[in-house]
Amino acid sequence: MDWMKIASAGFIVLMLVYLWPRARHMLNNSPKPKGNDVMAAVIPLLLVLAFIFLLIKFV
């Protein structure tokens, strides 16, 4: 391995060490989803998947 790959791996580890406590804090203090919130996310995802499926079928 050259020094650039080693430095990149070290940088990634340092980023994870720095960001991990903040991410855990955000997850613990985020608002809990309600039943309607989940459907608001699922419906657009299903529409996008259906659109992609149609594009694949027409090609």
Protein backbone atom coordinates (compact mmCIF):
# COMPACT_ATOMS: atom_id res chain seq x y z
CA MET A 1 0.00 0.00 0.00
CA ASP A 2 1.23 3.41 -0.78
CA TRP A 3 1.10 6.29 1.68
CA MET A 4 -1.98 7.85 0.06
CA LYS A 5 -4.14 4.80 0.77
CA ILE A 6 -2.90 4.63 4.35
CA ALA A 7 -3.59 8.34 4.87
CA SER A 8 -7.08 7.98 3.38
CA ALA A 9 -7.88 5.05 5.67
CA GLY A 10 -6.64 7.02 8.68
CA PHE A 11 -8.74 10.01 7.66
CA ILE A 12 -11.86 7.83 7.38
CA VAL A 13 -11.25 6.39 10.85
CA LEU A 14 -10.78 9.87 12.31
CA MET A 15 -14.02 11.05 10.66
CA LEU A 16 -15.93 8.12 12.16
CA VAL A 17 -14.48 8.79 15.60
CA TYR A 18 -15.44 12.46 15.32
CA LEU A 19 -18.95 11.93 13.90
CA TRP A 20 -20.10 8.86 15.86
CA PRO A 21 -21.10 10.67 19.12
CA ARG A 22 -22.94 13.38 17.21
CA ALA A 23 -24.85 10.86 15.09
CA ARG A 24 -25.83 8.90 18.21
CA HIS A 25 -27.04 12.12 19.86
CA MET A 26 -29.12 13.04 16.80
CA LEU A 27 -30.70 9.58 16.66
CA ASN A 28 -31.54 9.57 20.36
CA ASN A 29 -33.08 13.07 20.30
CA SER A 30 -34.93 12.95 16.98
CA PRO A 31 -38.74 13.04 16.96
CA LYS A 32 -40.40 9.63 16.80
CA PRO A 33 -42.30 8.92 13.58
CA LYS A 34 -46.05 8.49 13.61
CA GLY A 35 -48.01 6.07 11.44
CA ASN A 36 -48.80 8.65 8.78
CA ASP A 37 -45.15 9.72 8.49
CA VAL A 38 -44.11 6.28 7.33
CA MET A 39 -46.68 6.21 4.53
CA ALA A 40 -45.60 9.69 3.43
CA ALA A 41 -42.15 8.24 2.76
CA VAL A 42 -43.23 4.88 1.31
CA ILE A 43 -45.64 6.18 -1.35
CA PRO A 44 -43.10 8.38 -3.22
CA LEU A 45 -40.54 5.57 -3.08
CA LEU A 46 -43.02 3.15 -4.61
CA LEU A 47 -43.88 5.68 -7.32
CA VAL A 48 -40.21 6.10 -8.19
CA LEU A 49 -39.72 2.33 -8.33
CA ALA A 50 -42.77 1.95 -10.58
CA PHE A 51 -41.45 4.70 -12.89
CA ILE A 52 -38.03 3.03 -13.12
CA PHE A 53 -39.71 -0.32 -13.82
CA LEU A 54 -41.71 1.25 -16.66
CA LEU A 55 -38.60 2.85 -18.12
CA ILE A 56 -36.81 -0.50 -18.08
CA LYS A 57 -39.78 -2.26 -19.70
CA PHE A 58 -40.02 0.27 -22.55
CA VAL A 59 -36.36 -0.02 -23.54
